[in-house]
Amino acid sequence: MAPIRNDVSRRGLMLVLSSPSGAGKTTISRRLLDRDPGIAMSVSVTTRPMRPGEVPGRDYFFIDLPTFDRMVDAGELLEHARVFGNCYGTPKGAVEDALASGRDVLFDIDWQGTQQLAQNARDDLVSVFVLPPSGAELERRLHTRAQDSAEVIAQRMAKASDEISHWAEYDYVIVNHDVDESVASVEAILRAERLRRRRQVGLPQFVKGIQQAL
């Protein structure tokens, strides 16, 4: 009897991490990328100014507003949103190519972008909302990272309640008491979601081959 060849491959998934600013999603994302070579960060376009230490094409593609509007009108963005007066969006082509080739793509986006991804590609989406342990801890983290002015921090705190109100729209919710524990939780989610039956390309044919060989 001839051996059965495993023709099952996997379609990639879109893993979204969302949280109010300062809750830890960016730190979790970076840890996950360092530890898992099977997932790559989605690089968004944005109209906001580049921050110290950021690299164009690695952190964001920095573009002007007319270019952003043209991409929206041409349907070149998988999702897009305006946050604190700046525009952000995900180029569609690169993500679709990655998923088709079995690569996973990580998104660090807000609830608005997540809703759009759910509308456009729900079967490919796995969404995780990251909560802070408390409001006081969220404010402390915003001050500690020293990236924003006091005025911007106040704006972020005012917006946090609205952002947190969307927690129930996500597939999973974790409370970020400890970064290592939170990363481990996201890794467990990722391992399980990679095994979803609908992501196993060629599985029906593979099973049929086994049955025919019995």
N, C-alpha and C. Protein backbone atom coordinates (compact mmCIF):
# COMPACT_ATOMS: atom_id res chain seq x y z
N MET A 1 0.85 -1.20 0.00
CA MET A 1 0.00 0.00 0.00
C MET A 1 0.89 1.25 0.00
N ALA A 2 0.58 2.20 -0.90
CA ALA A 2 1.38 3.42 -1.01
C ALA A 2 1.17 4.31 0.21
N PRO A 3 2.22 4.98 0.67
CA PRO A 3 2.06 5.88 1.82
C PRO A 3 1.16 7.06 1.47
N ILE A 4 0.45 7.56 2.47
CA ILE A 4 -0.43 8.71 2.29
C ILE A 4 0.39 9.98 2.45
N ARG A 5 0.34 10.83 1.46
CA ARG A 5 1.10 12.10 1.51
C ARG A 5 0.25 13.17 2.19
N ASN A 6 0.84 13.91 3.11
CA ASN A 6 0.11 14.96 3.82
C ASN A 6 0.11 16.23 2.97
N ASP A 7 -1.03 16.52 2.35
CA ASP A 7 -1.17 17.70 1.51
C ASP A 7 -1.87 18.84 2.24
N VAL A 8 -1.97 18.75 3.55
CA VAL A 8 -2.67 19.77 4.32
C VAL A 8 -1.72 20.93 4.61
N SER A 9 -2.08 22.09 4.17
CA SER A 9 -1.34 23.30 4.51
C SER A 9 -2.28 24.22 5.28
N ARG A 10 -1.76 25.34 5.71
CA ARG A 10 -2.59 26.21 6.55
C ARG A 10 -2.68 27.61 5.96
N ARG A 11 -3.89 28.15 5.96
CA ARG A 11 -4.07 29.56 5.61
C ARG A 11 -3.69 30.40 6.82
N GLY A 12 -3.02 31.51 6.58
CA GLY A 12 -2.64 32.38 7.68
C GLY A 12 -3.84 33.04 8.33
N LEU A 13 -3.60 33.66 9.46
CA LEU A 13 -4.66 34.37 10.18
C LEU A 13 -4.21 35.78 10.51
N MET A 14 -5.17 36.63 10.81
CA MET A 14 -4.92 38.00 11.24
C MET A 14 -5.17 38.06 12.75
N LEU A 15 -4.11 38.27 13.51
CA LEU A 15 -4.22 38.38 14.97
C LEU A 15 -4.22 39.84 15.36
N VAL A 16 -5.31 40.29 15.93
CA VAL A 16 -5.46 41.69 16.34
C VAL A 16 -5.31 41.81 17.85
N LEU A 17 -4.46 42.73 18.27
CA LEU A 17 -4.38 43.12 19.67
C LEU A 17 -4.83 44.57 19.78
N SER A 18 -5.83 44.82 20.61
CA SER A 18 -6.32 46.18 20.84
C SER A 18 -6.35 46.46 22.33
N SER A 19 -6.23 47.74 22.66
CA SER A 19 -6.33 48.17 24.05
C SER A 19 -6.34 49.68 24.09
N PRO A 20 -6.74 50.28 25.19
CA PRO A 20 -6.50 51.72 25.33
C PRO A 20 -5.01 51.97 25.40
N SER A 21 -4.58 53.14 24.99
CA SER A 21 -3.16 53.48 25.02
C SER A 21 -2.59 53.30 26.43
N GLY A 22 -1.48 52.57 26.52
CA GLY A 22 -0.83 52.36 27.80
C GLY A 22 -1.16 51.05 28.47
N ALA A 23 -2.11 50.28 27.92
CA ALA A 23 -2.49 49.02 28.56
C ALA A 23 -1.51 47.89 28.27
N GLY A 24 -0.67 48.05 27.24
CA GLY A 24 0.38 47.08 27.03
C GLY A 24 0.37 46.31 25.73
N LYS A 25 -0.53 46.65 24.81
CA LYS A 25 -0.62 45.84 23.59
C LYS A 25 0.65 45.92 22.75
N THR A 26 1.30 47.08 22.70
CA THR A 26 2.51 47.21 21.89
C THR A 26 3.66 46.39 22.48
N THR A 27 3.79 46.39 23.79
CA THR A 27 4.82 45.58 24.45
C THR A 27 4.57 44.10 24.21
N ILE A 28 3.32 43.67 24.35
CA ILE A 28 2.97 42.27 24.10
C ILE A 28 3.26 41.90 22.65
N SER A 29 2.92 42.79 21.74
CA SER A 29 3.16 42.54 20.32
C SER A 29 4.64 42.32 20.05
N ARG A 30 5.48 43.17 20.60
CA ARG A 30 6.92 43.06 20.36
C ARG A 30 7.48 41.78 20.93
N ARG A 31 7.03 41.39 22.11
CA ARG A 31 7.50 40.14 22.71
C ARG A 31 7.08 38.95 21.83
N LEU A 32 5.86 38.98 21.36
CA LEU A 32 5.35 37.89 20.52
C LEU A 32 6.15 37.78 19.23
N LEU A 33 6.46 38.89 18.62
CA LEU A 33 7.23 38.89 17.38
C LEU A 33 8.65 38.36 17.61
N ASP A 34 9.23 38.68 18.76
CA ASP A 34 10.57 38.20 19.08
C ASP A 34 10.60 36.69 19.28
N ARG A 35 9.50 36.13 19.78
CA ARG A 35 9.48 34.72 20.17
C ARG A 35 8.88 33.79 19.12
N ASP A 36 8.14 34.34 18.17
CA ASP A 36 7.45 33.49 17.20
C ASP A 36 7.79 33.93 15.78
N PRO A 37 8.65 33.19 15.09
CA PRO A 37 9.02 33.57 13.73
C PRO A 37 7.91 33.35 12.71
N GLY A 38 6.83 32.70 13.12
CA GLY A 38 5.74 32.42 12.20
C GLY A 38 4.74 33.55 12.05
N ILE A 39 4.99 34.66 12.71
CA ILE A 39 4.06 35.79 12.62
C ILE A 39 4.83 37.07 12.33
N ALA A 40 4.25 37.92 11.51
CA ALA A 40 4.90 39.17 11.13
C ALA A 40 3.96 40.34 11.41
N MET A 41 4.54 41.48 11.71
CA MET A 41 3.74 42.66 12.02
C MET A 41 3.19 43.30 10.76
N SER A 42 1.93 43.64 10.78
CA SER A 42 1.36 44.43 9.70
C SER A 42 1.88 45.86 9.82
N VAL A 43 2.39 46.39 8.75
CA VAL A 43 2.91 47.76 8.76
C VAL A 43 1.86 48.68 8.17
N SER A 44 1.37 49.58 8.99
CA SER A 44 0.30 50.48 8.58
C SER A 44 0.86 51.74 7.93
N VAL A 45 0.01 52.41 7.18
CA VAL A 45 0.31 53.77 6.74
C VAL A 45 -0.28 54.73 7.77
N THR A 46 0.35 55.87 7.95
CA THR A 46 -0.18 56.86 8.89
C THR A 46 0.21 58.27 8.44
N THR A 47 -0.63 59.22 8.82
CA THR A 47 -0.35 60.62 8.53
C THR A 47 0.30 61.33 9.72
N ARG A 48 0.50 60.62 10.84
CA ARG A 48 1.07 61.29 12.01
C ARG A 48 2.57 61.45 11.83
N PRO A 49 3.18 62.43 12.54
CA PRO A 49 4.63 62.63 12.45
C PRO A 49 5.39 61.42 13.01
N MET A 50 6.56 61.19 12.49
CA MET A 50 7.41 60.11 12.96
C MET A 50 7.98 60.45 14.33
N ARG A 51 7.95 59.48 15.25
CA ARG A 51 8.50 59.67 16.59
C ARG A 51 9.97 59.29 16.63
N PRO A 52 10.71 59.80 17.61
CA PRO A 52 12.12 59.44 17.72
C PRO A 52 12.30 57.93 17.81
N GLY A 53 13.24 57.40 17.03
CA GLY A 53 13.53 55.98 17.05
C GLY A 53 12.74 55.16 16.05
N GLU A 54 11.69 55.72 15.47
CA GLU A 54 10.89 54.98 14.49
C GLU A 54 11.60 54.96 13.14
N VAL A 55 11.36 53.87 12.40
CA VAL A 55 11.97 53.68 11.09
C VAL A 55 10.88 53.54 10.05
N PRO A 56 10.86 54.37 9.01
CA PRO A 56 9.87 54.24 7.94
C PRO A 56 9.93 52.87 7.29
N GLY A 57 8.77 52.26 7.11
CA GLY A 57 8.71 50.94 6.51
C GLY A 57 8.80 49.81 7.51
N ARG A 58 9.31 50.10 8.70
CA ARG A 58 9.35 49.09 9.76
C ARG A 58 8.25 49.34 10.77
N ASP A 59 8.16 50.57 11.25
CA ASP A 59 7.12 50.92 12.21
C ASP A 59 5.83 51.35 11.51
N TYR A 60 5.97 52.25 10.57
CA TYR A 60 4.85 52.74 9.75
C TYR A 60 5.38 53.16 8.40
N PHE A 61 4.47 53.29 7.44
CA PHE A 61 4.75 54.04 6.23
C PHE A 61 4.17 55.43 6.45
N PHE A 62 5.01 56.43 6.53
CA PHE A 62 4.57 57.78 6.83
C PHE A 62 4.21 58.50 5.53
N ILE A 63 2.94 58.90 5.42
CA ILE A 63 2.45 59.51 4.19
C ILE A 63 1.67 60.77 4.55
N ASP A 64 1.38 61.59 3.53
CA ASP A 64 0.59 62.80 3.77
C ASP A 64 -0.90 62.49 3.58
N LEU A 65 -1.73 63.43 3.98
CA LEU A 65 -3.17 63.22 3.95
C LEU A 65 -3.72 63.01 2.54
N PRO A 66 -3.28 63.78 1.53
CA PRO A 66 -3.79 63.52 0.17
C PRO A 66 -3.50 62.09 -0.30
N THR A 67 -2.31 61.57 0.02
CA THR A 67 -1.98 60.20 -0.37
C THR A 67 -2.87 59.20 0.36
N PHE A 68 -3.10 59.46 1.64
CA PHE A 68 -3.98 58.58 2.42
C PHE A 68 -5.38 58.56 1.82
N ASP A 69 -5.92 59.74 1.52
CA ASP A 69 -7.27 59.82 0.95
C ASP A 69 -7.34 59.09 -0.39
N ARG A 70 -6.28 59.19 -1.18
CA ARG A 70 -6.27 58.50 -2.48
C ARG A 70 -6.32 56.98 -2.27
N MET A 71 -5.59 56.47 -1.27
CA MET A 71 -5.59 55.04 -1.00
C MET A 71 -6.96 54.56 -0.54
N VAL A 72 -7.63 55.38 0.27
CA VAL A 72 -8.98 55.03 0.72
C VAL A 72 -9.92 54.97 -0.47
N ASP A 73 -9.89 55.98 -1.31
CA ASP A 73 -10.79 56.04 -2.47
C ASP A 73 -10.54 54.89 -3.44
N ALA A 74 -9.29 54.44 -3.54
CA ALA A 74 -8.94 53.36 -4.47
C ALA A 74 -9.18 51.97 -3.88
N GLY A 75 -9.64 51.91 -2.63
CA GLY A 75 -9.89 50.62 -1.99
C GLY A 75 -8.63 49.85 -1.68
N GLU A 76 -7.53 50.56 -1.44
CA GLU A 76 -6.24 49.92 -1.20
C GLU A 76 -5.99 49.61 0.28
N LEU A 77 -6.92 50.00 1.16
CA LEU A 77 -6.74 49.78 2.59
C LEU A 77 -7.74 48.76 3.11
N LEU A 78 -7.25 47.80 3.86
CA LEU A 78 -8.11 46.78 4.45
C LEU A 78 -8.94 47.35 5.59
N GLU A 79 -8.39 48.33 6.27
CA GLU A 79 -9.09 49.07 7.33
C GLU A 79 -8.41 50.42 7.47
N HIS A 80 -9.15 51.38 7.98
CA HIS A 80 -8.55 52.69 8.22
C HIS A 80 -9.36 53.43 9.28
N ALA A 81 -8.71 54.35 9.97
CA ALA A 81 -9.38 55.08 11.05
C ALA A 81 -8.63 56.38 11.32
N ARG A 82 -9.33 57.31 11.94
CA ARG A 82 -8.73 58.56 12.41
C ARG A 82 -8.67 58.50 13.93
N VAL A 83 -7.46 58.67 14.48
CA VAL A 83 -7.24 58.58 15.92
C VAL A 83 -6.44 59.79 16.36
N PHE A 84 -6.99 60.56 17.31
CA PHE A 84 -6.32 61.77 17.82
C PHE A 84 -5.85 62.68 16.69
N GLY A 85 -6.70 62.83 15.67
CA GLY A 85 -6.42 63.75 14.58
C GLY A 85 -5.50 63.22 13.50
N ASN A 86 -5.02 61.98 13.66
CA ASN A 86 -4.15 61.38 12.65
C ASN A 86 -4.84 60.18 12.01
N CYS A 87 -4.48 59.87 10.77
CA CYS A 87 -5.10 58.77 10.04
C CYS A 87 -4.18 57.56 9.99
N TYR A 88 -4.77 56.37 10.11
CA TYR A 88 -4.04 55.12 10.06
C TYR A 88 -4.78 54.15 9.14
N GLY A 89 -4.05 53.27 8.48
CA GLY A 89 -4.70 52.28 7.63
C GLY A 89 -3.77 51.13 7.30
N THR A 90 -4.36 50.00 6.92
CA THR A 90 -3.60 48.80 6.59
C THR A 90 -3.66 48.52 5.09
N PRO A 91 -2.52 48.56 4.40
CA PRO A 91 -2.50 48.21 2.98
C PRO A 91 -3.00 46.78 2.76
N LYS A 92 -3.91 46.61 1.82
CA LYS A 92 -4.59 45.34 1.62
C LYS A 92 -3.72 44.27 0.97
N GLY A 93 -2.99 44.61 -0.07
CA GLY A 93 -2.29 43.62 -0.87
C GLY A 93 -1.31 42.76 -0.10
N ALA A 94 -0.49 43.38 0.73
CA ALA A 94 0.54 42.64 1.46
C ALA A 94 -0.08 41.64 2.43
N VAL A 95 -1.18 42.03 3.09
CA VAL A 95 -1.83 41.13 4.04
C VAL A 95 -2.44 39.94 3.31
N GLU A 96 -3.13 40.18 2.22
CA GLU A 96 -3.76 39.09 1.48
C GLU A 96 -2.73 38.10 0.95
N ASP A 97 -1.60 38.60 0.50
CA ASP A 97 -0.53 37.72 0.02
C ASP A 97 0.02 36.85 1.15
N ALA A 98 0.19 37.46 2.33
CA ALA A 98 0.72 36.71 3.47
C ALA A 98 -0.24 35.60 3.90
N LEU A 99 -1.51 35.90 3.99
CA LEU A 99 -2.50 34.90 4.41
C LEU A 99 -2.54 33.73 3.43
N ALA A 100 -2.53 34.04 2.15
CA ALA A 100 -2.60 32.99 1.13
C ALA A 100 -1.38 32.07 1.17
N SER A 101 -0.24 32.61 1.61
CA SER A 101 0.98 31.81 1.67
C SER A 101 1.16 31.11 3.02
N GLY A 102 0.17 31.24 3.90
CA GLY A 102 0.24 30.57 5.20
C GLY A 102 0.92 31.36 6.29
N ARG A 103 1.17 32.63 6.06
CA ARG A 103 1.80 33.49 7.06
C ARG A 103 0.74 34.16 7.92
N ASP A 104 1.04 34.30 9.21
CA ASP A 104 0.16 35.03 10.12
C ASP A 104 0.59 36.49 10.19
N VAL A 105 -0.39 37.37 10.38
CA VAL A 105 -0.12 38.80 10.41
C VAL A 105 -0.67 39.37 11.71
N LEU A 106 0.16 40.12 12.42
CA LEU A 106 -0.22 40.72 13.70
C LEU A 106 -0.59 42.18 13.51
N PHE A 107 -1.70 42.59 14.11
CA PHE A 107 -2.19 43.96 14.00
C PHE A 107 -2.24 44.61 15.38
N ASP A 108 -1.70 45.81 15.47
CA ASP A 108 -1.79 46.64 16.67
C ASP A 108 -2.69 47.81 16.30
N ILE A 109 -4.02 47.58 16.37
CA ILE A 109 -5.00 48.57 15.92
C ILE A 109 -6.11 48.74 16.95
N ASP A 110 -6.94 49.76 16.76
CA ASP A 110 -8.01 50.04 17.71
C ASP A 110 -9.30 49.33 17.30
N TRP A 111 -10.36 49.57 18.07
CA TRP A 111 -11.62 48.87 17.84
C TRP A 111 -12.25 49.24 16.50
N GLN A 112 -12.02 50.47 16.03
CA GLN A 112 -12.58 50.86 14.74
C GLN A 112 -12.00 50.02 13.62
N GLY A 113 -10.69 49.87 13.63
CA GLY A 113 -10.05 49.06 12.62
C GLY A 113 -10.45 47.60 12.73
N THR A 114 -10.61 47.11 13.96
CA THR A 114 -11.00 45.72 14.17
C THR A 114 -12.39 45.46 13.61
N GLN A 115 -13.30 46.40 13.79
CA GLN A 115 -14.65 46.25 13.23
C GLN A 115 -14.59 46.14 11.72
N GLN A 116 -13.75 46.93 11.09
CA GLN A 116 -13.64 46.88 9.64
C GLN A 116 -13.04 45.56 9.17
N LEU A 117 -12.04 45.06 9.88
CA LEU A 117 -11.48 43.75 9.54
C LEU A 117 -12.54 42.66 9.68
N ALA A 118 -13.36 42.76 10.72
CA ALA A 118 -14.42 41.77 10.92
C ALA A 118 -15.43 41.81 9.78
N GLN A 119 -15.70 42.99 9.26
CA GLN A 119 -16.63 43.11 8.14
C GLN A 119 -16.03 42.57 6.85
N ASN A 120 -14.73 42.76 6.67
CA ASN A 120 -14.09 42.42 5.41
C ASN A 120 -13.51 41.01 5.35
N ALA A 121 -13.13 40.46 6.51
CA ALA A 121 -12.45 39.16 6.49
C ALA A 121 -12.62 38.43 7.82
N ARG A 122 -13.87 38.18 8.23
CA ARG A 122 -14.13 37.64 9.56
C ARG A 122 -13.48 36.27 9.78
N ASP A 123 -13.49 35.41 8.78
CA ASP A 123 -12.95 34.07 8.97
C ASP A 123 -11.44 34.07 9.22
N ASP A 124 -10.77 35.11 8.76
CA ASP A 124 -9.31 35.19 8.95
C ASP A 124 -8.94 35.90 10.25
N LEU A 125 -9.91 36.44 10.96
CA LEU A 125 -9.63 37.33 12.09
C LEU A 125 -9.67 36.60 13.43
N VAL A 126 -8.68 36.88 14.27
CA VAL A 126 -8.67 36.48 15.68
C VAL A 126 -8.38 37.75 16.47
N SER A 127 -9.31 38.18 17.31
CA SER A 127 -9.17 39.47 17.98
C SER A 127 -9.04 39.30 19.49
N VAL A 128 -8.10 40.06 20.06
CA VAL A 128 -7.82 40.00 21.50
C VAL A 128 -7.82 41.42 22.04
N PHE A 129 -8.60 41.66 23.10
CA PHE A 129 -8.60 42.97 23.75
C PHE A 129 -7.80 42.89 25.04
N VAL A 130 -6.89 43.84 25.22
CA VAL A 130 -6.02 43.87 26.40
C VAL A 130 -6.50 44.96 27.35
N LEU A 131 -6.87 44.57 28.55
CA LEU A 131 -7.33 45.51 29.58
C LEU A 131 -6.21 45.82 30.57
N PRO A 132 -6.17 47.05 31.08
CA PRO A 132 -5.24 47.36 32.17
C PRO A 132 -5.81 46.83 33.49
N PRO A 133 -4.97 46.63 34.50
CA PRO A 133 -5.48 46.17 35.80
C PRO A 133 -6.42 47.18 36.46
N SER A 134 -6.18 48.48 36.19
CA SER A 134 -7.01 49.53 36.78
C SER A 134 -6.78 50.83 36.02
N GLY A 135 -7.66 51.79 36.27
CA GLY A 135 -7.49 53.10 35.64
C GLY A 135 -6.24 53.82 36.14
N ALA A 136 -5.96 53.67 37.43
CA ALA A 136 -4.78 54.31 38.00
C ALA A 136 -3.50 53.75 37.40
N GLU A 137 -3.47 52.43 37.18
CA GLU A 137 -2.29 51.81 36.59
C GLU A 137 -2.13 52.23 35.13
N LEU A 138 -3.25 52.40 34.44
CA LEU A 138 -3.18 52.86 33.05
C LEU A 138 -2.55 54.25 32.98
N GLU A 139 -2.98 55.15 33.84
CA GLU A 139 -2.42 56.50 33.85
C GLU A 139 -0.94 56.48 34.22
N ARG A 140 -0.57 55.62 35.18
CA ARG A 140 0.84 55.53 35.58
C ARG A 140 1.71 55.08 34.41
N ARG A 141 1.22 54.10 33.64
CA ARG A 141 2.00 53.60 32.51
C ARG A 141 2.16 54.66 31.43
N LEU A 142 1.13 55.45 31.22
CA LEU A 142 1.22 56.52 30.22
C LEU A 142 2.28 57.54 30.61
N HIS A 143 2.34 57.88 31.88
CA HIS A 143 3.36 58.83 32.35
C HIS A 143 4.76 58.20 32.30
N THR A 144 4.85 56.91 32.63
CA THR A 144 6.15 56.25 32.71
C THR A 144 6.82 56.15 31.35
N ARG A 145 6.05 55.91 30.30
CA ARG A 145 6.68 55.74 28.99
C ARG A 145 7.19 57.06 28.40
N ALA A 146 6.71 58.19 28.92
CA ALA A 146 7.24 59.52 28.59
C ALA A 146 7.29 59.80 27.09
N GLN A 147 6.25 59.39 26.38
CA GLN A 147 6.18 59.65 24.95
C GLN A 147 5.29 60.83 24.61
N ASP A 148 4.38 61.19 25.53
CA ASP A 148 3.37 62.19 25.23
C ASP A 148 3.38 63.32 26.26
N SER A 149 2.87 64.46 25.84
CA SER A 149 2.73 65.59 26.75
C SER A 149 1.61 65.32 27.75
N ALA A 150 1.54 66.13 28.79
CA ALA A 150 0.48 65.99 29.79
C ALA A 150 -0.90 66.17 29.15
N GLU A 151 -0.97 67.06 28.17
CA GLU A 151 -2.24 67.29 27.49
C GLU A 151 -2.69 66.05 26.70
N VAL A 152 -1.75 65.42 26.01
CA VAL A 152 -2.07 64.22 25.23
C VAL A 152 -2.44 63.06 26.16
N ILE A 153 -1.74 62.93 27.27
CA ILE A 153 -2.07 61.88 28.24
C ILE A 153 -3.48 62.06 28.76
N ALA A 154 -3.86 63.30 29.04
CA ALA A 154 -5.23 63.57 29.50
C ALA A 154 -6.25 63.18 28.43
N GLN A 155 -5.92 63.44 27.17
CA GLN A 155 -6.81 63.05 26.08
C GLN A 155 -6.94 61.53 25.99
N ARG A 156 -5.82 60.85 26.15
CA ARG A 156 -5.85 59.38 26.08
C ARG A 156 -6.65 58.78 27.24
N MET A 157 -6.52 59.34 28.41
CA MET A 157 -7.30 58.85 29.55
C MET A 157 -8.79 59.10 29.35
N ALA A 158 -9.13 60.25 28.78
CA ALA A 158 -10.53 60.56 28.53
C ALA A 158 -11.13 59.61 27.50
N LYS A 159 -10.32 59.17 26.55
CA LYS A 159 -10.79 58.29 25.48
C LYS A 159 -10.81 56.82 25.91
N ALA A 160 -10.09 56.48 26.98
CA ALA A 160 -9.94 55.08 27.38
C ALA A 160 -11.27 54.41 27.70
N SER A 161 -12.17 55.12 28.36
CA SER A 161 -13.44 54.52 28.73
C SER A 161 -14.24 54.09 27.50
N ASP A 162 -14.24 54.94 26.47
CA ASP A 162 -14.94 54.59 25.23
C ASP A 162 -14.29 53.38 24.57
N GLU A 163 -12.97 53.36 24.54
CA GLU A 163 -12.27 52.23 23.93
C GLU A 163 -12.57 50.93 24.67
N ILE A 164 -12.55 50.98 25.99
CA ILE A 164 -12.80 49.79 26.80
C ILE A 164 -14.23 49.30 26.63
N SER A 165 -15.16 50.18 26.30
CA SER A 165 -16.56 49.79 26.14
C SER A 165 -16.76 48.79 25.00
N HIS A 166 -15.77 48.64 24.14
CA HIS A 166 -15.89 47.72 23.01
C HIS A 166 -15.29 46.34 23.29
N TRP A 167 -14.94 46.07 24.54
CA TRP A 167 -14.27 44.82 24.89
C TRP A 167 -15.07 43.59 24.46
N ALA A 168 -16.39 43.66 24.56
CA ALA A 168 -17.22 42.48 24.28
C ALA A 168 -17.30 42.13 22.80
N GLU A 169 -16.78 42.98 21.94
CA GLU A 169 -16.78 42.70 20.50
C GLU A 169 -15.62 41.80 20.10
N TYR A 170 -14.73 41.51 21.03
CA TYR A 170 -13.52 40.75 20.73
C TYR A 170 -13.68 39.26 21.05
N ASP A 171 -12.90 38.43 20.37
CA ASP A 171 -12.96 36.99 20.60
C ASP A 171 -12.40 36.62 21.96
N TYR A 172 -11.36 37.31 22.39
CA TYR A 172 -10.70 37.02 23.66
C TYR A 172 -10.41 38.33 24.40
N VAL A 173 -10.38 38.26 25.73
CA VAL A 173 -10.02 39.41 26.56
C VAL A 173 -9.03 38.95 27.62
N ILE A 174 -7.92 39.69 27.76
CA ILE A 174 -6.96 39.39 28.81
C ILE A 174 -6.71 40.66 29.63
N VAL A 175 -6.43 40.49 30.91
CA VAL A 175 -6.08 41.61 31.79
C VAL A 175 -4.57 41.58 31.98
N ASN A 176 -3.91 42.65 31.59
CA ASN A 176 -2.44 42.68 31.58
C ASN A 176 -1.88 43.08 32.94
N HIS A 177 -1.95 42.14 33.89
CA HIS A 177 -1.30 42.34 35.18
C HIS A 177 0.22 42.21 35.04
N ASP A 178 0.62 41.21 34.24
CA ASP A 178 2.03 40.88 34.08
C ASP A 178 2.29 40.61 32.60
N VAL A 179 3.31 41.25 32.05
CA VAL A 179 3.55 41.13 30.61
C VAL A 179 3.86 39.70 30.21
N ASP A 180 4.70 38.99 30.97
CA ASP A 180 5.06 37.62 30.62
C ASP A 180 3.83 36.72 30.58
N GLU A 181 2.96 36.86 31.57
CA GLU A 181 1.74 36.06 31.60
C GLU A 181 0.82 36.41 30.44
N SER A 182 0.75 37.68 30.10
CA SER A 182 -0.10 38.11 29.00
C SER A 182 0.42 37.58 27.67
N VAL A 183 1.73 37.61 27.48
CA VAL A 183 2.31 37.07 26.26
C VAL A 183 2.02 35.58 26.16
N ALA A 184 2.15 34.85 27.27
CA ALA A 184 1.87 33.42 27.27
C ALA A 184 0.40 33.15 26.90
N SER A 185 -0.50 34.00 27.37
CA SER A 185 -1.92 33.84 27.05
C SER A 185 -2.16 34.04 25.55
N VAL A 186 -1.54 35.06 24.99
CA VAL A 186 -1.71 35.31 23.55
C VAL A 186 -1.10 34.17 22.74
N GLU A 187 0.02 33.63 23.19
CA GLU A 187 0.63 32.49 22.49
C GLU A 187 -0.29 31.27 22.51
N ALA A 188 -0.98 31.05 23.63
CA ALA A 188 -1.91 29.93 23.72
C ALA A 188 -3.09 30.12 22.75
N ILE A 189 -3.58 31.35 22.68
CA ILE A 189 -4.66 31.66 21.74
C ILE A 189 -4.20 31.40 20.31
N LEU A 190 -3.01 31.83 19.99
CA LEU A 190 -2.48 31.68 18.64
C LEU A 190 -2.31 30.21 18.27
N ARG A 191 -1.80 29.42 19.20
CA ARG A 191 -1.62 27.99 18.93
C ARG A 191 -2.96 27.32 18.62
N ALA A 192 -3.98 27.64 19.41
CA ALA A 192 -5.29 27.02 19.20
C ALA A 192 -5.92 27.48 17.89
N GLU A 193 -5.82 28.77 17.60
CA GLU A 193 -6.46 29.29 16.39
C GLU A 193 -5.78 28.79 15.11
N ARG A 194 -4.51 28.49 15.19
CA ARG A 194 -3.82 27.94 14.02
C ARG A 194 -4.34 26.55 13.66
N LEU A 195 -4.96 25.87 14.63
CA LEU A 195 -5.48 24.53 14.40
C LEU A 195 -6.95 24.51 14.00
N ARG A 196 -7.55 25.68 13.83
CA ARG A 196 -8.95 25.72 13.40
C ARG A 196 -9.12 24.93 12.11
N ARG A 197 -10.20 24.14 12.06
CA ARG A 197 -10.44 23.30 10.89
C ARG A 197 -10.53 24.11 9.60
N ARG A 198 -11.17 25.27 9.65
CA ARG A 198 -11.36 26.04 8.43
C ARG A 198 -10.05 26.59 7.86
N ARG A 199 -8.99 26.60 8.67
CA ARG A 199 -7.72 27.11 8.19
C ARG A 199 -6.82 26.02 7.60
N GLN A 200 -7.26 24.77 7.67
CA GLN A 200 -6.46 23.66 7.16
C GLN A 200 -6.81 23.45 5.68
N VAL A 201 -6.00 24.06 4.83
CA VAL A 201 -6.24 23.98 3.39
C VAL A 201 -5.95 22.56 2.90
N GLY A 202 -6.89 21.98 2.15
CA GLY A 202 -6.72 20.63 1.63
C GLY A 202 -7.10 19.54 2.61
N LEU A 203 -7.64 19.89 3.77
CA LEU A 203 -7.98 18.87 4.77
C LEU A 203 -9.06 17.90 4.29
N PRO A 204 -10.15 18.37 3.65
CA PRO A 204 -11.16 17.41 3.17
C PRO A 204 -10.57 16.37 2.22
N GLN A 205 -9.69 16.83 1.33
CA GLN A 205 -9.08 15.89 0.39
C GLN A 205 -8.15 14.91 1.11
N PHE A 206 -7.44 15.41 2.11
CA PHE A 206 -6.53 14.57 2.89
C PHE A 206 -7.31 13.48 3.62
N VAL A 207 -8.41 13.87 4.26
CA VAL A 207 -9.24 12.91 4.98
C VAL A 207 -9.83 11.87 4.02
N LYS A 208 -10.27 12.35 2.86
CA LYS A 208 -10.82 11.44 1.86
C LYS A 208 -9.77 10.42 1.43
N GLY A 209 -8.52 10.88 1.28
CA GLY A 209 -7.45 9.96 0.92
C GLY A 209 -7.22 8.90 1.96
N ILE A 210 -7.29 9.28 3.22
CA ILE A 210 -7.15 8.30 4.30
C ILE A 210 -8.26 7.27 4.23
N GLN A 211 -9.49 7.75 4.04
CA GLN A 211 -10.65 6.85 4.00
C GLN A 211 -10.56 5.87 2.84
N GLN A 212 -10.07 6.36 1.71
CA GLN A 212 -9.97 5.49 0.53
C GLN A 212 -8.89 4.43 0.71
N ALA A 213 -7.91 4.75 1.56
CA ALA A 213 -6.80 3.81 1.77
C ALA A 213 -7.14 2.75 2.81
N LEU A 214 -8.23 2.94 3.53
CA LEU A 214 -8.59 1.99 4.59
C LEU A 214 -9.23 0.72 4.02
